[in-house]
């Protein structure tokens, strides 16, 4: 099984046919259905198509709405878009063949506005990449196999889209603490040294006056 990019490289610019249903005339060379047939063969699946609307062959619009093994039909609806490797089907008109319609292989990059495709017989009987709108789009056949080079793991779903602030982790709230209360220290008390109470013998020292003598030598005369 070729990855989609290698499949495109192998047939780009060429005019191809496909006889997967039993003969080379099933999907004539240069027709859009021939390239679609080659893609189903590459995936190892059958062609999800049948005769419809009185047509005698499996034209493009006959791939729409068919429930076939290995394929899931998804009708075109507002808001959805095909995946790479799907087979998108366009109805008659809008620049497509009447009454056969058109079919193409979906390339990466489809969105709700446009569909990039790999197709044959749109601008000529050869294979080429192109981009279409959803005008006259009926829907697409989705293969039930994993394409080479793609991941089968489901996309992880975020509980909340980013980058809104509510999706980001928030730090735990700390208990409210007053900045002054956290940094303040208890005031220091000044220590005062108190003088001991004065006794009568130390009264003069406590009062700061010099002691007074009751006797002195001046004016005395010694006798012998």
C-alpha atoms as a PDB file:
ATOM      1  CA  UNK A   1       0.000   0.000   0.000  1.00  0.00           C
ATOM      2  CA  UNK A   2       1.456   3.320  -1.090  1.00  0.00           C
ATOM      3  CA  UNK A   3       1.162   6.367   1.148  1.00  0.00           C
ATOM      4  CA  UNK A   4      -1.000   9.082  -0.379  1.00  0.00           C
ATOM      5  CA  UNK A   5       1.981  11.284  -1.236  1.00  0.00           C
ATOM      6  CA  UNK A   6       3.707   8.440  -3.107  1.00  0.00           C
ATOM      7  CA  UNK A   7       0.469   7.528  -4.879  1.00  0.00           C
ATOM      8  CA  UNK A   8       0.178  11.108  -6.123  1.00  0.00           C
ATOM      9  CA  UNK A   9       3.810  11.135  -7.253  1.00  0.00           C
ATOM     10  CA  UNK A  10       3.308   7.863  -9.149  1.00  0.00           C
ATOM     11  CA  UNK A  11       0.335   9.064 -11.236  1.00  0.00           C
ATOM     12  CA  UNK A  12       0.624  12.862 -11.360  1.00  0.00           C
ATOM     13  CA  UNK A  13       0.451  14.099 -14.967  1.00  0.00           C
ATOM     14  CA  UNK A  14      -0.476  10.662 -16.330  1.00  0.00           C
ATOM     15  CA  UNK A  15      -3.649   9.371 -17.965  1.00  0.00           C
ATOM     16  CA  UNK A  16      -4.693   6.148 -16.243  1.00  0.00           C
ATOM     17  CA  UNK A  17      -7.377   3.494 -16.461  1.00  0.00           C
ATOM     18  CA  UNK A  18      -8.492   0.792 -14.048  1.00  0.00           C
ATOM     19  CA  UNK A  19     -10.017  -2.616 -14.643  1.00  0.00           C
ATOM     20  CA  UNK A  20     -10.323  -3.798 -11.036  1.00  0.00           C
ATOM     21  CA  UNK A  21     -13.883  -5.032 -11.573  1.00  0.00           C
ATOM     22  CA  UNK A  22     -12.973  -7.504 -14.286  1.00  0.00           C
ATOM     23  CA  UNK A  23     -11.991  -5.648 -17.424  1.00  0.00           C
ATOM     24  CA  UNK A  24     -10.133  -2.603 -18.742  1.00  0.00           C
ATOM     25  CA  UNK A  25     -13.400  -1.033 -19.872  1.00  0.00           C
ATOM     26  CA  UNK A  26     -14.889  -0.833 -16.357  1.00  0.00           C
ATOM     27  CA  UNK A  27     -13.154   2.485 -15.664  1.00  0.00           C
ATOM     28  CA  UNK A  28     -11.885   3.896 -18.975  1.00  0.00           C
ATOM     29  CA  UNK A  29      -8.528   5.606 -19.271  1.00  0.00           C
ATOM     30  CA  UNK A  30      -8.648   9.315 -18.601  1.00  0.00           C
ATOM     31  CA  UNK A  31     -11.877   9.203 -16.544  1.00  0.00           C
ATOM     32  CA  UNK A  32     -12.135  10.462 -12.958  1.00  0.00           C
ATOM     33  CA  UNK A  33     -13.516   7.108 -11.820  1.00  0.00           C
ATOM     34  CA  UNK A  34     -10.402   5.323 -13.090  1.00  0.00           C
ATOM     35  CA  UNK A  35      -8.151   7.202 -10.662  1.00  0.00           C
ATOM     36  CA  UNK A  36     -10.625   6.578  -7.832  1.00  0.00           C
ATOM     37  CA  UNK A  37     -10.559   2.880  -8.727  1.00  0.00           C
ATOM     38  CA  UNK A  38      -6.757   2.800  -8.588  1.00  0.00           C
ATOM     39  CA  UNK A  39      -6.864   4.380  -5.112  1.00  0.00           C
ATOM     40  CA  UNK A  40      -9.249   1.682  -3.843  1.00  0.00           C
ATOM     41  CA  UNK A  41      -6.971  -1.014  -5.274  1.00  0.00           C
ATOM     42  CA  UNK A  42      -4.019   0.594  -3.519  1.00  0.00           C
ATOM     43  CA  UNK A  43      -5.939   0.419  -0.219  1.00  0.00           C
ATOM     44  CA  UNK A  44      -6.863  -3.224  -0.791  1.00  0.00           C
ATOM     45  CA  UNK A  45     -10.586  -2.410  -0.899  1.00  0.00           C
ATOM     46  CA  UNK A  46     -13.367  -2.778  -3.428  1.00  0.00           C
ATOM     47  CA  UNK A  47     -15.085   0.057  -5.243  1.00  0.00           C
ATOM     48  CA  UNK A  48     -18.065   1.527  -3.360  1.00  0.00           C
ATOM     49  CA  UNK A  49     -20.147   2.220  -6.443  1.00  0.00           C
ATOM     50  CA  UNK A  50     -22.995   0.809  -8.465  1.00  0.00           C
ATOM     51  CA  UNK A  51     -25.194   1.546 -11.434  1.00  0.00           C
ATOM     52  CA  UNK A  52     -27.536   4.439 -10.702  1.00  0.00           C
ATOM     53  CA  UNK A  53     -29.934   6.911 -12.291  1.00  0.00           C
ATOM     54  CA  UNK A  54     -30.337   4.740 -15.376  1.00  0.00           C
ATOM     55  CA  UNK A  55     -26.616   4.901 -16.141  1.00  0.00           C
ATOM     56  CA  UNK A  56     -25.105   1.823 -17.710  1.00  0.00           C
ATOM     57  CA  UNK A  57     -21.751   2.257 -16.028  1.00  0.00           C
ATOM     58  CA  UNK A  58     -20.367   3.154 -12.585  1.00  0.00           C
ATOM     59  CA  UNK A  59     -20.147   6.913 -13.032  1.00  0.00           C
ATOM     60  CA  UNK A  60     -19.000   9.290 -10.296  1.00  0.00           C
ATOM     61  CA  UNK A  61     -22.429  10.046  -8.827  1.00  0.00           C
ATOM     62  CA  UNK A  62     -22.976   6.303  -8.426  1.00  0.00           C
ATOM     63  CA  UNK A  63     -20.338   6.307  -5.647  1.00  0.00           C
ATOM     64  CA  UNK A  64     -22.531   8.535  -3.487  1.00  0.00           C
ATOM     65  CA  UNK A  65     -24.626   7.027  -0.699  1.00  0.00           C
ATOM     66  CA  UNK A  66     -23.414   3.477  -1.281  1.00  0.00           C
ATOM     67  CA  UNK A  67     -22.871   1.261   1.789  1.00  0.00           C
ATOM     68  CA  UNK A  68     -19.954  -0.965   0.757  1.00  0.00           C
ATOM     69  CA  UNK A  69     -17.651  -3.229   2.819  1.00  0.00           C
ATOM     70  CA  UNK A  70     -14.646  -1.274   4.098  1.00  0.00           C
ATOM     71  CA  UNK A  71     -16.225   2.105   3.373  1.00  0.00           C
ATOM     72  CA  UNK A  72     -18.385   4.593   5.260  1.00  0.00           C
ATOM     73  CA  UNK A  73     -20.501   7.096   3.369  1.00  0.00           C
ATOM     74  CA  UNK A  74     -20.556  10.566   4.962  1.00  0.00           C
ATOM     75  CA  UNK A  75     -23.045  13.031   3.515  1.00  0.00           C
ATOM     76  CA  UNK A  76     -21.922  16.617   3.085  1.00  0.00           C
ATOM     77  CA  UNK A  77     -23.229  18.722   5.971  1.00  0.00           C
ATOM     78  CA  UNK A  78     -22.481  22.110   7.465  1.00  0.00           C
ATOM     79  CA  UNK A  79     -19.378  22.046   9.671  1.00  0.00           C
ATOM     80  CA  UNK A  80     -17.833  18.748   8.539  1.00  0.00           C
ATOM     81  CA  UNK A  81     -15.096  18.057   5.997  1.00  0.00           C
ATOM     82  CA  UNK A  82     -13.348  14.985   4.550  1.00  0.00           C
ATOM     83  CA  UNK A  83     -10.066  13.417   5.642  1.00  0.00           C
ATOM     84  CA  UNK A  84      -7.009  12.664   3.497  1.00  0.00           C
ATOM     85  CA  UNK A  85      -7.636   9.525   1.440  1.00  0.00           C
ATOM     86  CA  UNK A  86     -11.414   9.920   1.307  1.00  0.00           C
ATOM     87  CA  UNK A  87     -13.179   9.803  -2.069  1.00  0.00           C
ATOM     88  CA  UNK A  88     -15.219  12.987  -2.455  1.00  0.00           C
ATOM     89  CA  UNK A  89     -18.200  12.897  -4.833  1.00  0.00           C
ATOM     90  CA  UNK A  90     -19.633  15.913  -6.674  1.00  0.00           C
ATOM     91  CA  UNK A  91     -23.012  15.939  -8.369  1.00  0.00           C
ATOM     92  CA  UNK A  92     -23.772  17.006 -11.910  1.00  0.00           C
ATOM     93  CA  UNK A  93     -23.441  20.715 -12.636  1.00  0.00           C
ATOM     94  CA  UNK A  94     -21.240  23.349 -10.925  1.00  0.00           C
ATOM     95  CA  UNK A  95     -18.674  22.767 -13.660  1.00  0.00           C
ATOM     96  CA  UNK A  96     -18.793  18.980 -13.348  1.00  0.00           C
ATOM     97  CA  UNK A  97     -19.974  16.519 -15.964  1.00  0.00           C
ATOM     98  CA  UNK A  98     -23.704  16.113 -16.597  1.00  0.00           C
ATOM     99  CA  UNK A  99     -25.068  13.626 -15.707  1.00  0.00           C
ATOM    100  CA  UNK A 100     -22.000  11.709 -14.486  1.00  0.00           C
ATOM    101  CA  UNK A 101     -20.716  14.111 -11.834  1.00  0.00           C
ATOM    102  CA  UNK A 102     -17.140  13.934 -10.562  1.00  0.00           C
ATOM    103  CA  UNK A 103     -15.030  12.019  -8.019  1.00  0.00           C
ATOM    104  CA  UNK A 104     -11.563  12.728  -6.574  1.00  0.00           C
ATOM    105  CA  UNK A 105      -9.126  11.621  -3.874  1.00  0.00           C
ATOM    106  CA  UNK A 106      -8.956  14.031  -0.928  1.00  0.00           C
ATOM    107  CA  UNK A 107      -5.551  15.494  -0.100  1.00  0.00           C
ATOM    108  CA  UNK A 108      -4.394  16.866   3.286  1.00  0.00           C
ATOM    109  CA  UNK A 109      -5.589  20.355   4.188  1.00  0.00           C
ATOM    110  CA  UNK A 110      -9.351  20.117   3.706  1.00  0.00           C
ATOM    111  CA  UNK A 111     -11.482  22.448   5.818  1.00  0.00           C
ATOM    112  CA  UNK A 112     -15.048  23.718   5.888  1.00  0.00           C
ATOM    113  CA  UNK A 113     -14.388  26.067   2.963  1.00  0.00           C
ATOM    114  CA  UNK A 114     -12.337  24.087   0.439  1.00  0.00           C
ATOM    115  CA  UNK A 115     -11.172  20.596  -0.478  1.00  0.00           C
ATOM    116  CA  UNK A 116      -7.721  19.955  -1.970  1.00  0.00           C
ATOM    117  CA  UNK A 117      -7.886  16.881  -4.206  1.00  0.00           C
ATOM    118  CA  UNK A 118      -5.974  14.603  -6.559  1.00  0.00           C
ATOM    119  CA  UNK A 119      -8.185  13.992  -9.579  1.00  0.00           C
ATOM    120  CA  UNK A 120      -8.403  13.033 -13.243  1.00  0.00           C
ATOM    121  CA  UNK A 121     -10.426  14.481 -16.110  1.00  0.00           C
ATOM    122  CA  UNK A 122     -11.297  17.856 -14.644  1.00  0.00           C
ATOM    123  CA  UNK A 123      -9.098  20.115 -16.776  1.00  0.00           C
ATOM    124  CA  UNK A 124      -8.103  17.306 -19.105  1.00  0.00           C
ATOM    125  CA  UNK A 125      -7.818  13.482 -19.273  1.00  0.00           C
ATOM    126  CA  UNK A 126      -4.840  13.328 -16.913  1.00  0.00           C
ATOM    127  CA  UNK A 127      -4.151  13.262 -13.153  1.00  0.00           C
ATOM    128  CA  UNK A 128      -3.452  16.496 -11.287  1.00  0.00           C
ATOM    129  CA  UNK A 129      -3.896  18.203  -7.935  1.00  0.00           C
ATOM    130  CA  UNK A 130      -6.567  20.845  -7.565  1.00  0.00           C
ATOM    131  CA  UNK A 131      -8.791  22.579  -5.003  1.00  0.00           C
ATOM    132  CA  UNK A 132     -12.607  22.645  -5.061  1.00  0.00           C
ATOM    133  CA  UNK A 133     -15.317  24.356  -3.080  1.00  0.00           C
ATOM    134  CA  UNK A 134     -18.310  22.512  -1.618  1.00  0.00           C
ATOM    135  CA  UNK A 135     -20.563  23.510  -4.510  1.00  0.00           C
ATOM    136  CA  UNK A 136     -22.472  20.402  -5.671  1.00  0.00           C
ATOM    137  CA  UNK A 137     -20.550  18.255  -3.154  1.00  0.00           C
ATOM    138  CA  UNK A 138     -22.702  15.243  -2.213  1.00  0.00           C
ATOM    139  CA  UNK A 139     -20.346  13.765   0.393  1.00  0.00           C
ATOM    140  CA  UNK A 140     -17.435  11.354   0.592  1.00  0.00           C
ATOM    141  CA  UNK A 141     -16.579   7.705   1.037  1.00  0.00           C
ATOM    142  CA  UNK A 142     -14.270   7.166   4.028  1.00  0.00           C
ATOM    143  CA  UNK A 143     -12.004   4.077   3.913  1.00  0.00           C
ATOM    144  CA  UNK A 144     -11.942   1.807   6.930  1.00  0.00           C
ATOM    145  CA  UNK A 145      -8.179   1.310   6.829  1.00  0.00           C
ATOM    146  CA  UNK A 146      -5.322   3.283   8.319  1.00  0.00           C
ATOM    147  CA  UNK A 147      -3.380   5.087   5.637  1.00  0.00           C
ATOM    148  CA  UNK A 148       0.387   4.525   5.615  1.00  0.00           C
ATOM    149  CA  UNK A 149       2.207   7.305   7.405  1.00  0.00           C
ATOM    150  CA  UNK A 150      -0.824   8.359   9.434  1.00  0.00           C
ATOM    151  CA  UNK A 151      -1.426   7.666  13.113  1.00  0.00           C
ATOM    152  CA  UNK A 152      -4.370   5.536  14.227  1.00  0.00           C
ATOM    153  CA  UNK A 153      -4.210   7.014  17.719  1.00  0.00           C
ATOM    154  CA  UNK A 154      -7.137   9.279  18.516  1.00  0.00           C
ATOM    155  CA  UNK A 155      -6.403  12.944  18.978  1.00  0.00           C
ATOM    156  CA  UNK A 156      -6.080  13.999  22.558  1.00  0.00           C
ATOM    157  CA  UNK A 157      -8.875  16.217  23.757  1.00  0.00           C
ATOM    158  CA  UNK A 158      -8.148  19.156  25.987  1.00  0.00           C
ATOM    159  CA  UNK A 159     -10.629  19.812  28.714  1.00  0.00           C
ATOM    160  CA  UNK A 160     -10.353  23.464  27.980  1.00  0.00           C
ATOM    161  CA  UNK A 161      -8.952  25.174  24.906  1.00  0.00           C
ATOM    162  CA  UNK A 162      -5.759  27.139  25.376  1.00  0.00           C
ATOM    163  CA  UNK A 163      -4.521  29.792  25.984  1.00  0.00           C
ATOM    164  CA  UNK A 164      -7.403  31.091  28.232  1.00  0.00           C
ATOM    165  CA  UNK A 165      -6.169  31.895  31.720  1.00  0.00           C
ATOM    166  CA  UNK A 166      -8.684  29.590  33.375  1.00  0.00           C
ATOM    167  CA  UNK A 167      -6.984  26.569  31.767  1.00  0.00           C
ATOM    168  CA  UNK A 168      -3.607  27.331  33.274  1.00  0.00           C
ATOM    169  CA  UNK A 169      -2.563  25.967  36.608  1.00  0.00           C
ATOM    170  CA  UNK A 170      -3.039  28.392  39.398  1.00  0.00           C
ATOM    171  CA  UNK A 171      -0.763  28.621  42.429  1.00  0.00           C
ATOM    172  CA  UNK A 172      -2.301  27.648  45.702  1.00  0.00           C
ATOM    173  CA  UNK A 173      -3.632  30.582  47.617  1.00  0.00           C
ATOM    174  CA  UNK A 174      -1.667  31.266  50.764  1.00  0.00           C
ATOM    175  CA  UNK A 175      -3.395  32.407  53.918  1.00  0.00           C
ATOM    176  CA  UNK A 176      -3.660  36.147  53.968  1.00  0.00           C
ATOM    177  CA  UNK A 177      -0.966  37.581  56.176  1.00  0.00           C
ATOM    178  CA  UNK A 178      -0.403  41.229  56.956  1.00  0.00           C
ATOM    179  CA  UNK A 179       2.958  42.314  55.623  1.00  0.00           C
ATOM    180  CA  UNK A 180       3.522  44.493  58.726  1.00  0.00           C
ATOM    181  CA  UNK A 181       2.491  41.661  60.994  1.00  0.00           C
ATOM    182  CA  UNK A 182       4.896  39.253  59.316  1.00  0.00           C
ATOM    183  CA  UNK A 183       7.906  41.563  59.582  1.00  0.00           C
ATOM    184  CA  UNK A 184       7.206  43.412  62.820  1.00  0.00           C
ATOM    185  CA  UNK A 185       9.228  42.560  65.930  1.00  0.00           C
ATOM    186  CA  UNK A 186       8.055  43.147  69.469  1.00  0.00           C
ATOM    187  CA  UNK A 187       9.276  46.507  70.837  1.00  0.00           C
ATOM    188  CA  UNK A 188      12.206  46.414  73.223  1.00  0.00           C
ATOM    189  CA  UNK A 189      11.769  47.737  76.724  1.00  0.00           C
ATOM    190  CA  UNK A 190      14.439  49.997  78.020  1.00  0.00           C
ATOM    191  CA  UNK A 191      16.003  48.706  81.206  1.00  0.00           C
ATOM    192  CA  UNK A 192      16.315  51.346  83.870  1.00  0.00           C
ATOM    193  CA  UNK A 193      18.904  50.959  86.639  1.00  0.00           C
ATOM    194  CA  UNK A 194      17.461  52.234  89.816  1.00  0.00           C
ATOM    195  CA  UNK A 195      19.748  53.402  92.660  1.00  0.00           C
ATOM    196  CA  UNK A 196      19.346  51.545  95.920  1.00  0.00           C
ATOM    197  CA  UNK A 197      17.661  53.485  98.706  1.00  0.00           C
ATOM    198  CA  UNK A 198      20.117  55.607 100.675  1.00  0.00           C
ATOM    199  CA  UNK A 199      20.982  54.676 104.254  1.00  0.00           C
ATOM    200  CA  UNK A 200      21.746  57.365 106.816  1.00  0.00           C
ATOM    201  CA  UNK A 201      25.464  56.604 106.550  1.00  0.00           C
ATOM    202  CA  UNK A 202      25.406  57.163 102.829  1.00  0.00           C
ATOM    203  CA  UNK A 203      23.087  60.104 102.864  1.00  0.00           C
ATOM    204  CA  UNK A 204      25.834  62.526 101.921  1.00  0.00           C
ATOM    205  CA  UNK A 205      26.999  60.357  99.021  1.00  0.00           C
ATOM    206  CA  UNK A 206      23.451  59.974  97.816  1.00  0.00           C
ATOM    207  CA  UNK A 207      22.822  63.660  98.055  1.00  0.00           C
ATOM    208  CA  UNK A 208      26.114  64.471  96.331  1.00  0.00           C
ATOM    209  CA  UNK A 209      27.459  66.726  99.183  1.00  0.00           C
ATOM    210  CA  UNK A 210      30.855  66.335 100.901  1.00  0.00           C
ATOM    211  CA  UNK A 211      30.890  65.062 104.519  1.00  0.00           C
ATOM    212  CA  UNK A 212      31.262  67.739 107.221  1.00  0.00           C
ATOM    213  CA  UNK A 213      33.877  67.123 109.976  1.00  0.00           C
ATOM    214  CA  UNK A 214      32.856  67.943 113.556  1.00  0.00           C
ATOM    215  CA  UNK A 215      36.420  68.588 114.646  1.00  0.00           C
ATOM    216  CA  UNK A 216      39.331  70.324 112.936  1.00  0.00           C
ATOM    217  CA  UNK A 217      42.918  71.259 113.865  1.00  0.00           C
ATOM    218  CA  UNK A 218      42.795  74.857 113.016  1.00  0.00           C
ATOM    219  CA  UNK A 219      42.574  77.118 116.046  1.00  0.00           C
ATOM    220  CA  UNK A 220      43.702  74.419 118.580  1.00  0.00           C
ATOM    221  CA  UNK A 221      46.781  74.518 120.774  1.00  0.00           C
ATOM    222  CA  UNK A 222      48.403  71.482 122.168  1.00  0.00           C
ATOM    223  CA  UNK A 223      49.850  71.713 125.717  1.00  0.00           C
ATOM    224  CA  UNK A 224      52.528  69.570 127.300  1.00  0.00           C
END
